[in-house]
Amino acid sequence: MGESYLSWMAANTKTRWNNDSAIESQVDAAIAQGAIGVTTNPPLSHEALVNEKDLYSNELAAIDKNLPDNEFAFRAMILVAKNFSKKFKISRFLHDNGL
């Protein structure tokens, strides 16, 4: 299979793009194709929390269940954002250092 359009674009133009998914396999594929960020809005974060329970179950269980719904949801969404911020920091470091 040849190079994807997104990989070509990231390597050959000044265009930079973010991935619009919070599913880990999709984010990993996007990083491999040159994505520099990820969208972790509430619906996408919810999708990740529901579909990738093993990834978030321990941290999710540690959130106080007595919080108001909006605060609980915000803290759950932060779990997803933190997961991907680590990946993109590493990806950015490797890119910036030609690795």
N, C-alpha and C. Protein backbone atom coordinates (compact mmCIF):
# COMPACT_ATOMS: atom_id res chain seq x y z
N MET A 1 0.85 -1.17 0.00
CA MET A 1 0.00 0.00 0.00
C MET A 1 0.89 1.23 0.00
N GLY A 2 0.55 2.23 -0.78
CA GLY A 2 1.34 3.45 -0.88
C GLY A 2 1.09 4.39 0.28
N GLU A 3 1.83 5.46 0.24
CA GLU A 3 1.70 6.49 1.27
C GLU A 3 0.31 7.10 1.24
N SER A 4 -0.26 7.34 2.41
CA SER A 4 -1.58 7.96 2.47
C SER A 4 -1.48 9.43 2.13
N TYR A 5 -2.59 10.01 1.74
CA TYR A 5 -2.62 11.43 1.45
C TYR A 5 -2.22 12.24 2.68
N LEU A 6 -2.70 11.85 3.85
CA LEU A 6 -2.38 12.60 5.07
C LEU A 6 -0.89 12.53 5.39
N SER A 7 -0.27 11.36 5.18
CA SER A 7 1.18 11.25 5.39
C SER A 7 1.93 12.13 4.40
N TRP A 8 1.51 12.07 3.15
CA TRP A 8 2.15 12.91 2.12
C TRP A 8 2.01 14.38 2.47
N MET A 9 0.81 14.79 2.85
CA MET A 9 0.54 16.19 3.17
C MET A 9 1.41 16.66 4.34
N ALA A 10 1.50 15.85 5.39
CA ALA A 10 2.29 16.23 6.56
C ALA A 10 3.76 16.35 6.23
N ALA A 11 4.24 15.52 5.32
CA ALA A 11 5.66 15.52 4.97
C ALA A 11 6.03 16.57 3.93
N ASN A 12 5.07 16.97 3.09
CA ASN A 12 5.41 17.80 1.93
C ASN A 12 4.77 19.17 1.88
N THR A 13 3.96 19.50 2.87
CA THR A 13 3.33 20.82 2.90
C THR A 13 3.43 21.40 4.30
N LYS A 14 3.06 22.64 4.44
CA LYS A 14 3.04 23.26 5.78
C LYS A 14 1.74 22.98 6.52
N THR A 15 0.84 22.26 5.89
CA THR A 15 -0.44 21.93 6.50
C THR A 15 -0.23 20.98 7.67
N ARG A 16 -0.90 21.26 8.77
CA ARG A 16 -0.89 20.39 9.94
C ARG A 16 -2.34 20.04 10.27
N TRP A 17 -2.54 18.86 10.80
CA TRP A 17 -3.91 18.44 11.04
C TRP A 17 -4.05 17.71 12.38
N ASN A 18 -5.27 17.74 12.90
CA ASN A 18 -5.65 17.05 14.13
C ASN A 18 -6.57 15.90 13.78
N ASN A 19 -6.49 14.85 14.56
CA ASN A 19 -7.36 13.70 14.39
C ASN A 19 -8.67 13.94 15.13
N ASP A 20 -9.78 13.58 14.53
CA ASP A 20 -11.10 13.79 15.13
C ASP A 20 -11.65 12.47 15.65
N SER A 21 -10.90 11.89 16.59
CA SER A 21 -11.31 10.64 17.23
C SER A 21 -10.57 10.53 18.54
N ALA A 22 -11.15 9.86 19.50
CA ALA A 22 -10.47 9.59 20.76
C ALA A 22 -10.31 8.09 20.99
N ILE A 23 -10.44 7.32 19.92
CA ILE A 23 -10.22 5.87 19.98
C ILE A 23 -8.73 5.63 19.78
N GLU A 24 -8.10 4.94 20.71
CA GLU A 24 -6.64 4.84 20.72
C GLU A 24 -6.04 4.32 19.42
N SER A 25 -6.59 3.28 18.83
CA SER A 25 -6.02 2.75 17.58
C SER A 25 -6.10 3.77 16.46
N GLN A 26 -7.17 4.55 16.42
CA GLN A 26 -7.30 5.58 15.40
C GLN A 26 -6.32 6.73 15.63
N VAL A 27 -6.10 7.07 16.89
CA VAL A 27 -5.13 8.12 17.22
C VAL A 27 -3.72 7.66 16.87
N ASP A 28 -3.39 6.42 17.19
CA ASP A 28 -2.07 5.90 16.85
C ASP A 28 -1.84 5.92 15.34
N ALA A 29 -2.85 5.54 14.58
CA ALA A 29 -2.74 5.58 13.12
C ALA A 29 -2.58 7.02 12.62
N ALA A 30 -3.31 7.94 13.24
CA ALA A 30 -3.22 9.35 12.84
C ALA A 30 -1.82 9.90 13.13
N ILE A 31 -1.25 9.57 14.28
CA ILE A 31 0.10 10.03 14.61
C ILE A 31 1.08 9.51 13.56
N ALA A 32 0.92 8.25 13.19
CA ALA A 32 1.80 7.66 12.17
C ALA A 32 1.68 8.37 10.83
N GLN A 33 0.54 9.03 10.60
CA GLN A 33 0.31 9.74 9.35
C GLN A 33 0.53 11.25 9.48
N GLY A 34 1.09 11.68 10.60
CA GLY A 34 1.47 13.08 10.74
C GLY A 34 0.53 13.97 11.52
N ALA A 35 -0.47 13.43 12.18
CA ALA A 35 -1.37 14.28 12.98
C ALA A 35 -0.58 14.93 14.11
N ILE A 36 -0.92 16.17 14.42
CA ILE A 36 -0.22 16.88 15.49
C ILE A 36 -1.09 17.09 16.73
N GLY A 37 -2.33 16.64 16.67
CA GLY A 37 -3.23 16.82 17.80
C GLY A 37 -4.45 15.93 17.64
N VAL A 38 -5.31 15.99 18.65
CA VAL A 38 -6.52 15.18 18.66
C VAL A 38 -7.65 15.98 19.27
N THR A 39 -8.85 15.78 18.77
CA THR A 39 -10.03 16.39 19.33
C THR A 39 -10.58 15.47 20.42
N THR A 40 -10.80 16.02 21.60
CA THR A 40 -11.37 15.19 22.67
C THR A 40 -12.60 15.89 23.23
N ASN A 41 -13.53 16.22 22.34
CA ASN A 41 -14.77 16.85 22.78
C ASN A 41 -15.63 15.83 23.53
N PRO A 42 -16.69 16.26 24.20
CA PRO A 42 -17.48 15.33 25.01
C PRO A 42 -17.99 14.09 24.28
N PRO A 43 -18.58 14.18 23.09
CA PRO A 43 -19.04 12.95 22.44
C PRO A 43 -17.90 11.99 22.09
N LEU A 44 -16.76 12.52 21.65
CA LEU A 44 -15.64 11.65 21.31
C LEU A 44 -15.02 11.03 22.57
N SER A 45 -14.93 11.81 23.63
CA SER A 45 -14.41 11.27 24.89
C SER A 45 -15.35 10.19 25.43
N HIS A 46 -16.65 10.43 25.36
CA HIS A 46 -17.62 9.43 25.80
C HIS A 46 -17.47 8.14 25.01
N GLU A 47 -17.30 8.27 23.70
CA GLU A 47 -17.12 7.08 22.85
C GLU A 47 -15.89 6.28 23.31
N ALA A 48 -14.80 6.98 23.60
CA ALA A 48 -13.60 6.29 24.06
C ALA A 48 -13.82 5.62 25.41
N LEU A 49 -14.46 6.32 26.33
CA LEU A 49 -14.70 5.76 27.66
C LEU A 49 -15.61 4.53 27.61
N VAL A 50 -16.57 4.53 26.71
CA VAL A 50 -17.50 3.40 26.57
C VAL A 50 -16.86 2.23 25.82
N ASN A 51 -16.13 2.54 24.74
CA ASN A 51 -15.59 1.48 23.88
C ASN A 51 -14.22 0.97 24.29
N GLU A 52 -13.53 1.71 25.15
CA GLU A 52 -12.21 1.29 25.59
C GLU A 52 -12.14 1.27 27.12
N LYS A 53 -13.10 0.55 27.69
CA LYS A 53 -13.24 0.50 29.15
C LYS A 53 -11.97 0.04 29.85
N ASP A 54 -11.28 -0.93 29.28
CA ASP A 54 -10.06 -1.45 29.90
C ASP A 54 -9.00 -0.37 30.06
N LEU A 55 -8.96 0.55 29.14
CA LEU A 55 -7.96 1.62 29.16
C LEU A 55 -8.22 2.63 30.27
N TYR A 56 -9.49 2.85 30.59
CA TYR A 56 -9.85 3.91 31.53
C TYR A 56 -10.52 3.45 32.82
N SER A 57 -10.81 2.18 32.97
CA SER A 57 -11.65 1.72 34.08
C SER A 57 -11.08 2.06 35.46
N ASN A 58 -9.80 1.87 35.68
CA ASN A 58 -9.23 2.14 37.01
C ASN A 58 -9.31 3.62 37.36
N GLU A 59 -8.91 4.48 36.43
CA GLU A 59 -8.94 5.91 36.70
C GLU A 59 -10.37 6.43 36.81
N LEU A 60 -11.26 5.88 36.00
CA LEU A 60 -12.67 6.29 36.04
C LEU A 60 -13.29 5.90 37.39
N ALA A 61 -12.94 4.74 37.88
CA ALA A 61 -13.47 4.28 39.17
C ALA A 61 -12.99 5.15 40.33
N ALA A 62 -11.87 5.82 40.14
CA ALA A 62 -11.30 6.65 41.20
C ALA A 62 -11.97 8.03 41.30
N ILE A 63 -12.76 8.39 40.30
CA ILE A 63 -13.45 9.69 40.34
C ILE A 63 -14.61 9.60 41.32
N ASP A 64 -14.74 10.59 42.15
CA ASP A 64 -15.79 10.65 43.18
C ASP A 64 -17.18 10.59 42.52
N LYS A 65 -17.93 9.56 42.85
CA LYS A 65 -19.27 9.37 42.27
C LYS A 65 -20.30 10.36 42.83
N ASN A 66 -19.93 11.08 43.87
CA ASN A 66 -20.84 12.05 44.47
C ASN A 66 -20.73 13.44 43.85
N LEU A 67 -19.84 13.58 42.90
CA LEU A 67 -19.71 14.88 42.21
C LEU A 67 -20.98 15.16 41.41
N PRO A 68 -21.29 16.41 41.17
CA PRO A 68 -22.38 16.73 40.24
C PRO A 68 -22.05 16.12 38.86
N ASP A 69 -23.08 15.79 38.11
CA ASP A 69 -22.89 15.12 36.82
C ASP A 69 -21.92 15.86 35.91
N ASN A 70 -22.06 17.18 35.83
CA ASN A 70 -21.20 17.92 34.91
C ASN A 70 -19.74 17.87 35.35
N GLU A 71 -19.47 17.87 36.65
CA GLU A 71 -18.09 17.79 37.15
C GLU A 71 -17.52 16.39 36.93
N PHE A 72 -18.34 15.37 37.14
CA PHE A 72 -17.91 13.99 36.89
C PHE A 72 -17.56 13.82 35.41
N ALA A 73 -18.43 14.32 34.55
CA ALA A 73 -18.20 14.20 33.10
C ALA A 73 -16.92 14.94 32.69
N PHE A 74 -16.71 16.12 33.25
CA PHE A 74 -15.50 16.88 32.93
C PHE A 74 -14.25 16.10 33.34
N ARG A 75 -14.25 15.55 34.54
CA ARG A 75 -13.09 14.79 35.00
C ARG A 75 -12.86 13.52 34.17
N ALA A 76 -13.93 12.89 33.74
CA ALA A 76 -13.81 11.72 32.88
C ALA A 76 -13.21 12.12 31.53
N MET A 77 -13.65 13.24 30.99
CA MET A 77 -13.12 13.71 29.72
C MET A 77 -11.63 14.04 29.84
N ILE A 78 -11.22 14.56 30.98
CA ILE A 78 -9.82 14.88 31.22
C ILE A 78 -8.96 13.61 31.15
N LEU A 79 -9.49 12.49 31.60
CA LEU A 79 -8.74 11.22 31.51
C LEU A 79 -8.36 10.92 30.07
N VAL A 80 -9.30 11.12 29.16
CA VAL A 80 -9.04 10.86 27.75
C VAL A 80 -8.01 11.85 27.21
N ALA A 81 -8.19 13.11 27.53
CA ALA A 81 -7.26 14.13 27.05
C ALA A 81 -5.83 13.87 27.54
N LYS A 82 -5.69 13.49 28.81
CA LYS A 82 -4.36 13.21 29.36
C LYS A 82 -3.71 12.03 28.66
N ASN A 83 -4.50 11.01 28.38
CA ASN A 83 -3.97 9.84 27.69
C ASN A 83 -3.33 10.24 26.37
N PHE A 84 -4.00 11.08 25.62
CA PHE A 84 -3.48 11.44 24.30
C PHE A 84 -2.46 12.56 24.34
N SER A 85 -2.49 13.39 25.36
CA SER A 85 -1.48 14.45 25.43
C SER A 85 -0.09 13.84 25.55
N LYS A 86 0.04 12.73 26.27
CA LYS A 86 1.33 12.05 26.39
C LYS A 86 1.80 11.57 25.02
N LYS A 87 0.90 10.97 24.27
CA LYS A 87 1.28 10.45 22.95
C LYS A 87 1.74 11.56 22.01
N PHE A 88 1.02 12.68 22.04
CA PHE A 88 1.38 13.75 21.13
C PHE A 88 2.63 14.49 21.57
N LYS A 89 2.92 14.55 22.86
CA LYS A 89 4.18 15.14 23.31
C LYS A 89 5.35 14.32 22.78
N ILE A 90 5.24 13.01 22.88
CA ILE A 90 6.30 12.13 22.38
C ILE A 90 6.42 12.27 20.87
N SER A 91 5.29 12.25 20.17
CA SER A 91 5.30 12.38 18.71
C SER A 91 5.93 13.70 18.28
N ARG A 92 5.58 14.77 18.96
CA ARG A 92 6.11 16.10 18.63
C ARG A 92 7.62 16.16 18.87
N PHE A 93 8.07 15.59 19.98
CA PHE A 93 9.51 15.57 20.28
C PHE A 93 10.25 14.83 19.18
N LEU A 94 9.76 13.66 18.79
CA LEU A 94 10.42 12.88 17.74
C LEU A 94 10.45 13.64 16.42
N HIS A 95 9.34 14.28 16.08
CA HIS A 95 9.26 15.07 14.83
C HIS A 95 10.23 16.23 14.87
N ASP A 96 10.22 16.98 15.96
CA ASP A 96 11.07 18.18 16.06
C ASP A 96 12.56 17.84 16.05
N ASN A 97 12.90 16.63 16.44
CA ASN A 97 14.30 16.23 16.50
C ASN A 97 14.70 15.31 15.34
N GLY A 98 13.84 15.24 14.32
CA GLY A 98 14.16 14.46 13.13
C GLY A 98 14.29 12.97 13.38
N LEU A 99 13.57 12.49 14.39
CA LEU A 99 13.66 11.05 14.73
C LEU A 99 12.46 10.29 14.22
